């Protein structure tokens, strides 16, 4: 899977996900550090990448309506430290059918994975 990591996630996740066979870009890799959300969003869509973020600005389903974009994963782990976040995302990509998330909006918490698909 093609993935873009938002800068609010540990950059080492790119190595972890690459070891699982994914093609991962970070914003730093693309000289997009500090870029606006709209620039990050457009880059992810242009490159047909799953955007992984913790940024609640990407949680508005009116802006990121399932079916209108490639795919997005919003990670909401409460007070998770850096190591817990890395371990959680690693386990998520090993246990969930992430390839089935095309055109979906996915929110993960410590307790569940919510996949919102397009209504049609």
PDB file of N, CA and C in Angstrom:
ATOM      1  N   UNK A   1       0.843  -1.172   0.000  1.00  0.00           N
ATOM      2  CA  UNK A   1       0.000   0.000   0.000  1.00  0.00           C
ATOM      3  C   UNK A   1       0.889   1.237   0.000  1.00  0.00           C
ATOM      4  N   UNK A   2       0.395   2.281  -0.662  1.00  0.00           N
ATOM      5  CA  UNK A   2       1.095   3.564  -0.695  1.00  0.00           C
ATOM      6  C   UNK A   2       0.574   4.412   0.463  1.00  0.00           C
ATOM      7  N   UNK A   3       1.501   4.910   1.299  1.00  0.00           N
ATOM      8  CA  UNK A   3       1.142   5.607   2.534  1.00  0.00           C
ATOM      9  C   UNK A   3       1.887   6.927   2.620  1.00  0.00           C
ATOM     10  N   UNK A   4       1.191   7.941   3.163  1.00  0.00           N
ATOM     11  CA  UNK A   4       1.828   9.205   3.508  1.00  0.00           C
ATOM     12  C   UNK A   4       1.603   9.417   5.004  1.00  0.00           C
ATOM     13  N   UNK A   5       2.691   9.613   5.754  1.00  0.00           N
ATOM     14  CA  UNK A   5       2.605   9.858   7.200  1.00  0.00           C
ATOM     15  C   UNK A   5       2.600  11.349   7.465  1.00  0.00           C
ATOM     16  N   UNK A   6       1.597  11.803   8.189  1.00  0.00           N
ATOM     17  CA  UNK A   6       1.559  13.195   8.614  1.00  0.00           C
ATOM     18  C   UNK A   6       2.699  13.435   9.598  1.00  0.00           C
ATOM     19  N   UNK A   7       3.111  14.684   9.745  1.00  0.00           N
ATOM     20  CA  UNK A   7       4.253  14.975  10.599  1.00  0.00           C
ATOM     21  C   UNK A   7       3.936  14.868  12.087  1.00  0.00           C
ATOM     22  N   UNK A   8       2.679  14.638  12.451  1.00  0.00           N
ATOM     23  CA  UNK A   8       2.340  14.455  13.859  1.00  0.00           C
ATOM     24  C   UNK A   8       2.486  12.994  14.306  1.00  0.00           C
ATOM     25  N   UNK A   9       3.073  12.180  13.456  1.00  0.00           N
ATOM     26  CA  UNK A   9       3.368  10.782  13.780  1.00  0.00           C
ATOM     27  C   UNK A   9       4.879  10.572  13.782  1.00  0.00           C
ATOM     28  N   UNK A  10       5.370   9.645  14.598  1.00  0.00           N
ATOM     29  CA  UNK A  10       6.816   9.386  14.618  1.00  0.00           C
ATOM     30  C   UNK A  10       7.325   8.947  13.249  1.00  0.00           C
ATOM     31  N   UNK A  11       8.367   9.580  12.771  1.00  0.00           N
ATOM     32  CA  UNK A  11       8.924   9.265  11.453  1.00  0.00           C
ATOM     33  C   UNK A  11       9.370   7.811  11.357  1.00  0.00           C
ATOM     34  N   UNK A  12       9.739   7.202  12.477  1.00  0.00           N
ATOM     35  CA  UNK A  12      10.182   5.809  12.466  1.00  0.00           C
ATOM     36  C   UNK A  12       9.066   4.868  11.999  1.00  0.00           C
ATOM     37  N   UNK A  13       7.827   5.327  12.045  1.00  0.00           N
ATOM     38  CA  UNK A  13       6.729   4.503  11.524  1.00  0.00           C
ATOM     39  C   UNK A  13       6.927   4.204  10.046  1.00  0.00           C
ATOM     40  N   UNK A  14       7.614   5.082   9.334  1.00  0.00           N
ATOM     41  CA  UNK A  14       7.859   4.807   7.913  1.00  0.00           C
ATOM     42  C   UNK A  14       8.718   3.559   7.755  1.00  0.00           C
ATOM     43  N   UNK A  15       9.674   3.368   8.648  1.00  0.00           N
ATOM     44  CA  UNK A  15      10.529   2.179   8.605  1.00  0.00           C
ATOM     45  C   UNK A  15       9.722   0.931   8.989  1.00  0.00           C
ATOM     46  N   UNK A  16       8.916   1.061  10.034  1.00  0.00           N
ATOM     47  CA  UNK A  16       8.091  -0.054  10.514  1.00  0.00           C
ATOM     48  C   UNK A  16       7.134  -0.518   9.414  1.00  0.00           C
ATOM     49  N   UNK A  17       6.457   0.428   8.771  1.00  0.00           N
ATOM     50  CA  UNK A  17       5.495   0.065   7.729  1.00  0.00           C
ATOM     51  C   UNK A  17       6.181  -0.413   6.457  1.00  0.00           C
ATOM     52  N   UNK A  18       7.343   0.134   6.157  1.00  0.00           N
ATOM     53  CA  UNK A  18       8.105  -0.340   4.988  1.00  0.00           C
ATOM     54  C   UNK A  18       8.527  -1.792   5.174  1.00  0.00           C
ATOM     55  N   UNK A  19       8.879  -2.173   6.397  1.00  0.00           N
ATOM     56  CA  UNK A  19       9.245  -3.574   6.668  1.00  0.00           C
ATOM     57  C   UNK A  19       8.079  -4.519   6.416  1.00  0.00           C
ATOM     58  N   UNK A  20       6.856  -3.982   6.480  1.00  0.00           N
ATOM     59  CA  UNK A  20       5.661  -4.789   6.204  1.00  0.00           C
ATOM     60  C   UNK A  20       5.314  -4.775   4.716  1.00  0.00           C
ATOM     61  N   UNK A  21       6.152  -4.118   3.919  1.00  0.00           N
ATOM     62  CA  UNK A  21       5.968  -4.125   2.474  1.00  0.00           C
ATOM     63  C   UNK A  21       5.270  -2.908   1.892  1.00  0.00           C
ATOM     64  N   UNK A  22       5.066  -1.888   2.691  1.00  0.00           N
ATOM     65  CA  UNK A  22       4.375  -0.695   2.221  1.00  0.00           C
ATOM     66  C   UNK A  22       5.354   0.342   1.686  1.00  0.00           C
ATOM     67  N   UNK A  23       4.882   1.145   0.750  1.00  0.00           N
ATOM     68  CA  UNK A  23       5.636   2.261   0.173  1.00  0.00           C
ATOM     69  C   UNK A  23       5.240   3.508   0.967  1.00  0.00           C
ATOM     70  N   UNK A  24       6.146   3.987   1.830  1.00  0.00           N
ATOM     71  CA  UNK A  24       5.802   5.036   2.780  1.00  0.00           C
ATOM     72  C   UNK A  24       6.607   6.297   2.523  1.00  0.00           C
ATOM     73  N   UNK A  25       5.888   7.428   2.486  1.00  0.00           N
ATOM     74  CA  UNK A  25       6.526   8.743   2.415  1.00  0.00           C
ATOM     75  C   UNK A  25       6.178   9.522   3.671  1.00  0.00           C
ATOM     76  N   UNK A  26       7.137  10.267   4.180  1.00  0.00           N
ATOM     77  CA  UNK A  26       6.866  11.215   5.264  1.00  0.00           C
ATOM     78  C   UNK A  26       6.826  12.610   4.652  1.00  0.00           C
ATOM     79  N   UNK A  27       6.267  13.556   5.370  1.00  0.00           N
ATOM     80  CA  UNK A  27       6.252  14.925   4.868  1.00  0.00           C
ATOM     81  C   UNK A  27       7.674  15.462   4.759  1.00  0.00           C
ATOM     82  N   UNK A  28       8.540  15.068   5.683  1.00  0.00           N
ATOM     83  CA  UNK A  28       9.936  15.510   5.615  1.00  0.00           C
ATOM     84  C   UNK A  28      10.614  14.989   4.352  1.00  0.00           C
ATOM     85  N   UNK A  29      10.304  13.750   3.958  1.00  0.00           N
ATOM     86  CA  UNK A  29      10.871  13.175   2.728  1.00  0.00           C
ATOM     87  C   UNK A  29      10.567  14.042   1.514  1.00  0.00           C
ATOM     88  N   UNK A  30       9.411  14.711   1.553  1.00  0.00           N
ATOM     89  CA  UNK A  30       8.930  15.458   0.394  1.00  0.00           C
ATOM     90  C   UNK A  30       9.041  16.967   0.573  1.00  0.00           C
ATOM     91  N   UNK A  31       9.798  17.385   1.580  1.00  0.00           N
ATOM     92  CA  UNK A  31       9.957  18.818   1.876  1.00  0.00           C
ATOM     93  C   UNK A  31       8.607  19.501   2.113  1.00  0.00           C
ATOM     94  N   UNK A  32       7.694  18.786   2.784  1.00  0.00           N
ATOM     95  CA  UNK A  32       6.382  19.331   3.101  1.00  0.00           C
ATOM     96  C   UNK A  32       6.209  19.605   4.597  1.00  0.00           C
ATOM     97  N   UNK A  33       7.288  19.522   5.360  1.00  0.00           N
ATOM     98  CA  UNK A  33       7.186  19.803   6.795  1.00  0.00           C
ATOM     99  C   UNK A  33       6.642  21.215   6.983  1.00  0.00           C
ATOM    100  N   UNK A  34       5.642  21.341   7.835  1.00  0.00           N
ATOM    101  CA  UNK A  34       5.041  22.636   8.109  1.00  0.00           C
ATOM    102  C   UNK A  34       4.016  23.074   7.072  1.00  0.00           C
ATOM    103  N   UNK A  35       3.771  22.245   6.064  1.00  0.00           N
ATOM    104  CA  UNK A  35       2.792  22.595   5.027  1.00  0.00           C
ATOM    105  C   UNK A  35       1.385  22.597   5.613  1.00  0.00           C
ATOM    106  N   UNK A  36       0.509  23.343   4.982  1.00  0.00           N
ATOM    107  CA  UNK A  36      -0.881  23.412   5.435  1.00  0.00           C
ATOM    108  C   UNK A  36      -1.564  22.062   5.223  1.00  0.00           C
ATOM    109  N   UNK A  37      -2.651  21.864   5.956  1.00  0.00           N
ATOM    110  CA  UNK A  37      -3.417  20.628   5.807  1.00  0.00           C
ATOM    111  C   UNK A  37      -3.869  20.426   4.367  1.00  0.00           C
ATOM    112  N   UNK A  38      -4.266  21.505   3.710  1.00  0.00           N
ATOM    113  CA  UNK A  38      -4.756  21.360   2.338  1.00  0.00           C
ATOM    114  C   UNK A  38      -3.641  20.904   1.395  1.00  0.00           C
ATOM    115  N   UNK A  39      -2.415  21.365   1.613  1.00  0.00           N
ATOM    116  CA  UNK A  39      -1.288  20.934   0.783  1.00  0.00           C
ATOM    117  C   UNK A  39      -0.983  19.461   1.039  1.00  0.00           C
ATOM    118  N   UNK A  40      -1.001  19.058   2.312  1.00  0.00           N
ATOM    119  CA  UNK A  40      -0.756  17.656   2.670  1.00  0.00           C
ATOM    120  C   UNK A  40      -1.838  16.778   2.058  1.00  0.00           C
ATOM    121  N   UNK A  41      -3.080  17.193   2.170  1.00  0.00           N
ATOM    122  CA  UNK A  41      -4.211  16.438   1.630  1.00  0.00           C
ATOM    123  C   UNK A  41      -4.087  16.270   0.119  1.00  0.00           C
ATOM    124  N   UNK A  42      -3.815  17.366  -0.570  1.00  0.00           N
ATOM    125  CA  UNK A  42      -3.689  17.313  -2.035  1.00  0.00           C
ATOM    126  C   UNK A  42      -2.536  16.409  -2.452  1.00  0.00           C
ATOM    127  N   UNK A  43      -1.423  16.461  -1.737  1.00  0.00           N
ATOM    128  CA  UNK A  43      -0.276  15.600  -2.061  1.00  0.00           C
ATOM    129  C   UNK A  43      -0.649  14.128  -1.896  1.00  0.00           C
ATOM    130  N   UNK A  44      -1.343  13.802  -0.808  1.00  0.00           N
ATOM    131  CA  UNK A  44      -1.759  12.409  -0.571  1.00  0.00           C
ATOM    132  C   UNK A  44      -2.712  11.939  -1.663  1.00  0.00           C
ATOM    133  N   UNK A  45      -3.635  12.806  -2.070  1.00  0.00           N
ATOM    134  CA  UNK A  45      -4.600  12.426  -3.104  1.00  0.00           C
ATOM    135  C   UNK A  45      -3.932  12.298  -4.463  1.00  0.00           C
ATOM    136  N   UNK A  46      -3.061  13.249  -4.780  1.00  0.00           N
ATOM    137  CA  UNK A  46      -2.363  13.224  -6.069  1.00  0.00           C
ATOM    138  C   UNK A  46      -1.525  11.950  -6.229  1.00  0.00           C
ATOM    139  N   UNK A  47      -0.942  11.497  -5.114  1.00  0.00           N
ATOM    140  CA  UNK A  47      -0.085  10.308  -5.138  1.00  0.00           C
ATOM    141  C   UNK A  47      -0.858   9.024  -4.835  1.00  0.00           C
ATOM    142  N   UNK A  48      -2.171   9.123  -4.640  1.00  0.00           N
ATOM    143  CA  UNK A  48      -3.023   7.975  -4.318  1.00  0.00           C
ATOM    144  C   UNK A  48      -2.490   7.221  -3.097  1.00  0.00           C
ATOM    145  N   UNK A  49      -2.264   7.968  -2.006  1.00  0.00           N
ATOM    146  CA  UNK A  49      -1.729   7.389  -0.781  1.00  0.00           C
ATOM    147  C   UNK A  49      -2.746   7.457   0.350  1.00  0.00           C
ATOM    148  N   UNK A  50      -2.685   6.456   1.220  1.00  0.00           N
ATOM    149  CA  UNK A  50      -3.405   6.495   2.483  1.00  0.00           C
ATOM    150  C   UNK A  50      -2.725   7.552   3.339  1.00  0.00           C
ATOM    151  N   UNK A  51      -3.482   8.533   3.795  1.00  0.00           N
ATOM    152  CA  UNK A  51      -2.941   9.531   4.706  1.00  0.00           C
ATOM    153  C   UNK A  51      -3.180   9.051   6.131  1.00  0.00           C
ATOM    154  N   UNK A  52      -2.102   8.879   6.903  1.00  0.00           N
ATOM    155  CA  UNK A  52      -2.214   8.518   8.313  1.00  0.00           C
ATOM    156  C   UNK A  52      -1.898   9.764   9.120  1.00  0.00           C
ATOM    157  N   UNK A  53      -2.814  10.140  10.006  1.00  0.00           N
ATOM    158  CA  UNK A  53      -2.673  11.371  10.774  1.00  0.00           C
ATOM    159  C   UNK A  53      -3.311  11.232  12.149  1.00  0.00           C
ATOM    160  N   UNK A  54      -2.955  12.161  13.020  1.00  0.00           N
ATOM    161  CA  UNK A  54      -3.638  12.319  14.306  1.00  0.00           C
ATOM    162  C   UNK A  54      -4.380  13.658  14.347  1.00  0.00           C
ATOM    163  N   UNK A  55      -4.356  14.378  13.260  1.00  0.00           N
ATOM    164  CA  UNK A  55      -4.875  15.734  13.165  1.00  0.00           C
ATOM    165  C   UNK A  55      -6.404  15.712  13.018  1.00  0.00           C
ATOM    166  N   UNK A  56      -7.095  16.253  14.017  1.00  0.00           N
ATOM    167  CA  UNK A  56      -8.559  16.276  13.984  1.00  0.00           C
ATOM    168  C   UNK A  56      -9.114  17.176  12.889  1.00  0.00           C
ATOM    169  N   UNK A  57      -8.282  18.023  12.297  1.00  0.00           N
ATOM    170  CA  UNK A  57      -8.749  18.822  11.173  1.00  0.00           C
ATOM    171  C   UNK A  57      -9.170  17.938  10.006  1.00  0.00           C
ATOM    172  N   UNK A  58      -8.676  16.701   9.983  1.00  0.00           N
ATOM    173  CA  UNK A  58      -9.055  15.752   8.930  1.00  0.00           C
ATOM    174  C   UNK A  58     -10.253  14.888   9.331  1.00  0.00           C
ATOM    175  N   UNK A  59     -10.933  15.216  10.417  1.00  0.00           N
ATOM    176  CA  UNK A  59     -12.031  14.371  10.891  1.00  0.00           C
ATOM    177  C   UNK A  59     -13.406  14.822  10.409  1.00  0.00           C
ATOM    178  N   UNK A  60     -13.487  15.942   9.737  1.00  0.00           N
ATOM    179  CA  UNK A  60     -14.768  16.465   9.270  1.00  0.00           C
ATOM    180  C   UNK A  60     -15.213  15.687   8.030  1.00  0.00           C
ATOM    181  N   UNK A  61     -16.208  14.833   8.199  1.00  0.00           N
ATOM    182  CA  UNK A  61     -16.674  13.986   7.095  1.00  0.00           C
ATOM    183  C   UNK A  61     -17.304  14.782   5.959  1.00  0.00           C
ATOM    184  N   UNK A  62     -17.631  16.041   6.189  1.00  0.00           N
ATOM    185  CA  UNK A  62     -18.124  16.873   5.082  1.00  0.00           C
ATOM    186  C   UNK A  62     -16.976  17.239   4.153  1.00  0.00           C
ATOM    187  N   UNK A  63     -15.757  17.328   4.715  1.00  0.00           N
ATOM    188  CA  UNK A  63     -14.574  17.646   3.910  1.00  0.00           C
ATOM    189  C   UNK A  63     -13.924  16.397   3.332  1.00  0.00           C
ATOM    190  N   UNK A  64     -13.974  15.305   4.059  1.00  0.00           N
ATOM    191  CA  UNK A  64     -13.317  14.054   3.633  1.00  0.00           C
ATOM    192  C   UNK A  64     -14.359  12.940   3.511  1.00  0.00           C
ATOM    193  N   UNK A  65     -15.416  13.216   2.782  1.00  0.00           N
ATOM    194  CA  UNK A  65     -16.513  12.275   2.595  1.00  0.00           C
ATOM    195  C   UNK A  65     -15.996  10.975   1.987  1.00  0.00           C
ATOM    196  N   UNK A  66     -16.284   9.837   2.636  1.00  0.00           N
ATOM    197  CA  UNK A  66     -15.860   8.557   2.069  1.00  0.00           C
ATOM    198  C   UNK A  66     -16.336   8.408   0.626  1.00  0.00           C
ATOM    199  N   UNK A  67     -15.451   7.913  -0.213  1.00  0.00           N
ATOM    200  CA  UNK A  67     -15.742   7.748  -1.627  1.00  0.00           C
ATOM    201  C   UNK A  67     -15.224   8.888  -2.477  1.00  0.00           C
ATOM    202  N   UNK A  68     -14.863  10.023  -1.836  1.00  0.00           N
ATOM    203  CA  UNK A  68     -14.387  11.181  -2.591  1.00  0.00           C
ATOM    204  C   UNK A  68     -12.872  11.344  -2.508  1.00  0.00           C
ATOM    205  N   UNK A  69     -12.215  10.432  -1.837  1.00  0.00           N
ATOM    206  CA  UNK A  69     -10.769  10.519  -1.678  1.00  0.00           C
ATOM    207  C   UNK A  69     -10.174   9.119  -1.698  1.00  0.00           C
ATOM    208  N   UNK A  70      -8.844   9.056  -1.708  1.00  0.00           N
ATOM    209  CA  UNK A  70      -8.190   7.748  -1.787  1.00  0.00           C
ATOM    210  C   UNK A  70      -8.431   6.945  -0.505  1.00  0.00           C
ATOM    211  N   UNK A  71      -7.995   7.441   0.632  1.00  0.00           N
ATOM    212  CA  UNK A  71      -8.278   6.840   1.942  1.00  0.00           C
ATOM    213  C   UNK A  71      -7.544   7.629   3.009  1.00  0.00           C
ATOM    214  N   UNK A  72      -8.101   7.587   4.231  1.00  0.00           N
ATOM    215  CA  UNK A  72      -7.488   8.295   5.355  1.00  0.00           C
ATOM    216  C   UNK A  72      -7.648   7.465   6.613  1.00  0.00           C
ATOM    217  N   UNK A  73      -6.609   7.484   7.440  1.00  0.00           N
ATOM    218  CA  UNK A  73      -6.617   6.807   8.732  1.00  0.00           C
ATOM    219  C   UNK A  73      -6.329   7.849   9.805  1.00  0.00           C
ATOM    220  N   UNK A  74      -7.306   8.062  10.686  1.00  0.00           N
ATOM    221  CA  UNK A  74      -7.175   8.993  11.802  1.00  0.00           C
ATOM    222  C   UNK A  74      -6.907   8.172  13.060  1.00  0.00           C
ATOM    223  N   UNK A  75      -5.749   8.380  13.663  1.00  0.00           N
ATOM    224  CA  UNK A  75      -5.340   7.641  14.852  1.00  0.00           C
ATOM    225  C   UNK A  75      -5.651   8.493  16.081  1.00  0.00           C
ATOM    226  N   UNK A  76      -6.494   7.954  16.979  1.00  0.00           N
ATOM    227  CA  UNK A  76      -6.914   8.675  18.183  1.00  0.00           C
ATOM    228  C   UNK A  76      -6.676   7.778  19.399  1.00  0.00           C
ATOM    229  N   UNK A  77      -5.475   7.819  19.941  1.00  0.00           N
ATOM    230  CA  UNK A  77      -5.115   6.911  21.033  1.00  0.00           C
ATOM    231  C   UNK A  77      -5.025   7.576  22.403  1.00  0.00           C
ATOM    232  N   UNK A  78      -5.755   8.614  22.645  1.00  0.00           N
ATOM    233  CA  UNK A  78      -5.744   9.219  23.967  1.00  0.00           C
ATOM    234  C   UNK A  78      -4.362   9.705  24.353  1.00  0.00           C
ATOM    235  N   UNK A  79      -3.834   9.192  25.451  1.00  0.00           N
ATOM    236  CA  UNK A  79      -2.546   9.634  25.969  1.00  0.00           C
ATOM    237  C   UNK A  79      -1.397   8.693  25.615  1.00  0.00           C
ATOM    238  N   UNK A  80      -1.449   8.087  24.470  1.00  0.00           N
ATOM    239  CA  UNK A  80      -0.414   7.130  24.080  1.00  0.00           C
ATOM    240  C   UNK A  80       0.929   7.835  23.895  1.00  0.00           C
ATOM    241  N   UNK A  81       1.964   7.230  24.428  1.00  0.00           N
ATOM    242  CA  UNK A  81       3.305   7.765  24.209  1.00  0.00           C
ATOM    243  C   UNK A  81       3.791   7.310  22.832  1.00  0.00           C
ATOM    244  N   UNK A  82       4.929   7.826  22.430  1.00  0.00           N
ATOM    245  CA  UNK A  82       5.483   7.556  21.111  1.00  0.00           C
ATOM    246  C   UNK A  82       5.630   6.057  20.839  1.00  0.00           C
ATOM    247  N   UNK A  83       6.199   5.321  21.795  1.00  0.00           N
ATOM    248  CA  UNK A  83       6.420   3.880  21.615  1.00  0.00           C
ATOM    249  C   UNK A  83       5.102   3.117  21.493  1.00  0.00           C
ATOM    250  N   UNK A  84       4.119   3.475  22.311  1.00  0.00           N
ATOM    251  CA  UNK A  84       2.811   2.819  22.243  1.00  0.00           C
ATOM    252  C   UNK A  84       2.141   3.076  20.900  1.00  0.00           C
ATOM    253  N   UNK A  85       2.278   4.291  20.404  1.00  0.00           N
ATOM    254  CA  UNK A  85       1.706   4.645  19.107  1.00  0.00           C
ATOM    255  C   UNK A  85       2.331   3.813  17.993  1.00  0.00           C
ATOM    256  N   UNK A  86       3.640   3.682  18.014  1.00  0.00           N
ATOM    257  CA  UNK A  86       4.346   2.892  17.005  1.00  0.00           C
ATOM    258  C   UNK A  86       3.893   1.431  17.062  1.00  0.00           C
ATOM    259  N   UNK A  87       3.858   0.869  18.257  1.00  0.00           N
ATOM    260  CA  UNK A  87       3.443  -0.520  18.416  1.00  0.00           C
ATOM    261  C   UNK A  87       2.001  -0.734  17.969  1.00  0.00           C
ATOM    262  N   UNK A  88       1.131   0.225  18.284  1.00  0.00           N
ATOM    263  CA  UNK A  88      -0.278   0.091  17.918  1.00  0.00           C
ATOM    264  C   UNK A  88      -0.452   0.099  16.402  1.00  0.00           C
ATOM    265  N   UNK A  89       0.162   1.060  15.731  1.00  0.00           N
ATOM    266  CA  UNK A  89       0.014   1.151  14.273  1.00  0.00           C
ATOM    267  C   UNK A  89       0.628  -0.078  13.604  1.00  0.00           C
ATOM    268  N   UNK A  90       1.758  -0.530  14.101  1.00  0.00           N
ATOM    269  CA  UNK A  90       2.383  -1.745  13.569  1.00  0.00           C
ATOM    270  C   UNK A  90       1.419  -2.928  13.688  1.00  0.00           C
ATOM    271  N   UNK A  91       0.846  -3.131  14.861  1.00  0.00           N
ATOM    272  CA  UNK A  91      -0.094  -4.234  15.069  1.00  0.00           C
ATOM    273  C   UNK A  91      -1.342  -4.074  14.203  1.00  0.00           C
ATOM    274  N   UNK A  92      -1.827  -2.860  14.062  1.00  0.00           N
ATOM    275  CA  UNK A  92      -3.001  -2.588  13.243  1.00  0.00           C
ATOM    276  C   UNK A  92      -2.772  -3.050  11.807  1.00  0.00           C
ATOM    277  N   UNK A  93      -1.608  -2.713  11.258  1.00  0.00           N
ATOM    278  CA  UNK A  93      -1.320  -3.080   9.872  1.00  0.00           C
ATOM    279  C   UNK A  93      -1.027  -4.571   9.708  1.00  0.00           C
ATOM    280  N   UNK A  94      -0.772  -5.258  10.796  1.00  0.00           N
ATOM    281  CA  UNK A  94      -0.559  -6.703  10.712  1.00  0.00           C
ATOM    282  C   UNK A  94      -1.840  -7.497  10.946  1.00  0.00           C
ATOM    283  N   UNK A  95      -2.847  -6.878  11.562  1.00  0.00           N
ATOM    284  CA  UNK A  95      -4.050  -7.628  11.917  1.00  0.00           C
ATOM    285  C   UNK A  95      -5.305  -7.217  11.152  1.00  0.00           C
ATOM    286  N   UNK A  96      -5.347  -5.999  10.654  1.00  0.00           N
ATOM    287  CA  UNK A  96      -6.535  -5.519   9.952  1.00  0.00           C
ATOM    288  C   UNK A  96      -6.368  -5.690   8.442  1.00  0.00           C
ATOM    289  N   UNK A  97      -7.477  -5.749   7.750  1.00  0.00           N
ATOM    290  CA  UNK A  97      -7.463  -5.845   6.291  1.00  0.00           C
ATOM    291  C   UNK A  97      -7.377  -4.437   5.701  1.00  0.00           C
ATOM    292  N   UNK A  98      -6.214  -3.821   5.854  1.00  0.00           N
ATOM    293  CA  UNK A  98      -6.037  -2.430   5.455  1.00  0.00           C
ATOM    294  C   UNK A  98      -6.230  -2.211   3.959  1.00  0.00           C
ATOM    295  N   UNK A  99      -5.999  -3.235   3.158  1.00  0.00           N
ATOM    296  CA  UNK A  99      -6.209  -3.087   1.717  1.00  0.00           C
ATOM    297  C   UNK A  99      -7.680  -2.881   1.375  1.00  0.00           C
ATOM    298  N   UNK A 100      -8.575  -3.240   2.267  1.00  0.00           N
ATOM    299  CA  UNK A 100     -10.006  -3.072   2.020  1.00  0.00           C
ATOM    300  C   UNK A 100     -10.486  -1.655   2.330  1.00  0.00           C
ATOM    301  N   UNK A 101      -9.586  -0.776   2.741  1.00  0.00           N
ATOM    302  CA  UNK A 101      -9.963   0.582   3.140  1.00  0.00           C
ATOM    303  C   UNK A 101      -9.991   1.577   1.985  1.00  0.00           C
ATOM    304  N   UNK A 102      -9.967   1.131   0.758  1.00  0.00           N
ATOM    305  CA  UNK A 102      -9.989   2.056  -0.375  1.00  0.00           C
ATOM    306  C   UNK A 102     -11.194   2.977  -0.285  1.00  0.00           C
ATOM    307  N   UNK A 103     -10.964   4.275  -0.447  1.00  0.00           N
ATOM    308  CA  UNK A 103     -11.989   5.315  -0.426  1.00  0.00           C
ATOM    309  C   UNK A 103     -12.723   5.404   0.909  1.00  0.00           C
ATOM    310  N   UNK A 104     -12.103   4.904   1.977  1.00  0.00           N
ATOM    311  CA  UNK A 104     -12.731   4.906   3.301  1.00  0.00           C
ATOM    312  C   UNK A 104     -12.097   5.942   4.224  1.00  0.00           C
ATOM    313  N   UNK A 105     -12.871   6.306   5.228  1.00  0.00           N
ATOM    314  CA  UNK A 105     -12.398   7.126   6.332  1.00  0.00           C
ATOM    315  C   UNK A 105     -12.348   6.187   7.531  1.00  0.00           C
ATOM    316  N   UNK A 106     -11.165   5.980   8.092  1.00  0.00           N
ATOM    317  CA  UNK A 106     -10.981   5.016   9.178  1.00  0.00           C
ATOM    318  C   UNK A 106     -10.502   5.759  10.416  1.00  0.00           C
ATOM    319  N   UNK A 107     -11.158   5.493  11.542  1.00  0.00           N
ATOM    320  CA  UNK A 107     -10.751   6.053  12.824  1.00  0.00           C
ATOM    321  C   UNK A 107     -10.414   4.892  13.739  1.00  0.00           C
ATOM    322  N   UNK A 108      -9.226   4.947  14.347  1.00  0.00           N
ATOM    323  CA  UNK A 108      -8.849   3.904  15.290  1.00  0.00           C
ATOM    324  C   UNK A 108      -8.627   4.521  16.660  1.00  0.00           C
ATOM    325  N   UNK A 109      -9.106   3.795  17.676  1.00  0.00           N
ATOM    326  CA  UNK A 109      -8.861   4.146  19.071  1.00  0.00           C
ATOM    327  C   UNK A 109      -8.283   2.910  19.741  1.00  0.00           C
ATOM    328  N   UNK A 110      -8.031   3.023  21.015  1.00  0.00           N
ATOM    329  CA  UNK A 110      -7.521   1.879  21.758  1.00  0.00           C
ATOM    330  C   UNK A 110      -8.517   0.725  21.761  1.00  0.00           C
ATOM    331  N   UNK A 111      -9.799   1.048  21.549  1.00  0.00           N
ATOM    332  CA  UNK A 111     -10.858   0.057  21.724  1.00  0.00           C
ATOM    333  C   UNK A 111     -11.501  -0.448  20.436  1.00  0.00           C
ATOM    334  N   UNK A 112     -11.357   0.313  19.346  1.00  0.00           N
ATOM    335  CA  UNK A 112     -12.037  -0.158  18.135  1.00  0.00           C
ATOM    336  C   UNK A 112     -11.447   0.468  16.882  1.00  0.00           C
ATOM    337  N   UNK A 113     -11.803  -0.159  15.775  1.00  0.00           N
ATOM    338  CA  UNK A 113     -11.470   0.334  14.441  1.00  0.00           C
ATOM    339  C   UNK A 113     -12.809   0.613  13.765  1.00  0.00           C
ATOM    340  N   UNK A 114     -13.023   1.855  13.389  1.00  0.00           N
ATOM    341  CA  UNK A 114     -14.279   2.250  12.736  1.00  0.00           C
ATOM    342  C   UNK A 114     -13.968   2.598  11.285  1.00  0.00           C
ATOM    343  N   UNK A 115     -14.558   1.853  10.374  1.00  0.00           N
ATOM    344  CA  UNK A 115     -14.352   2.064   8.949  1.00  0.00           C
ATOM    345  C   UNK A 115     -15.642   2.648   8.378  1.00  0.00           C
ATOM    346  N   UNK A 116     -15.543   3.875   7.856  1.00  0.00           N
ATOM    347  CA  UNK A 116     -16.703   4.527   7.243  1.00  0.00           C
ATOM    348  C   UNK A 116     -16.509   4.451   5.737  1.00  0.00           C
ATOM    349  N   UNK A 117     -17.429   3.732   5.101  1.00  0.00           N
ATOM    350  CA  UNK A 117     -17.350   3.534   3.651  1.00  0.00           C
ATOM    351  C   UNK A 117     -18.307   4.488   2.939  1.00  0.00           C
ATOM    352  N   UNK A 118     -18.115   4.622   1.655  1.00  0.00           N
ATOM    353  CA  UNK A 118     -18.995   5.487   0.879  1.00  0.00           C
ATOM    354  C   UNK A 118     -20.391   4.876   0.870  1.00  0.00           C
ATOM    355  N   UNK A 119     -21.423   5.720   0.884  1.00  0.00           N
ATOM    356  CA  UNK A 119     -22.793   5.207   0.970  1.00  0.00           C
ATOM    357  C   UNK A 119     -23.268   4.467  -0.272  1.00  0.00           C
ATOM    358  N   UNK A 120     -22.525   4.496  -1.344  1.00  0.00           N
ATOM    359  CA  UNK A 120     -23.022   3.855  -2.555  1.00  0.00           C
ATOM    360  C   UNK A 120     -22.246   2.726  -2.925  1.00  0.00           C
TER     361      UNK A 120
END
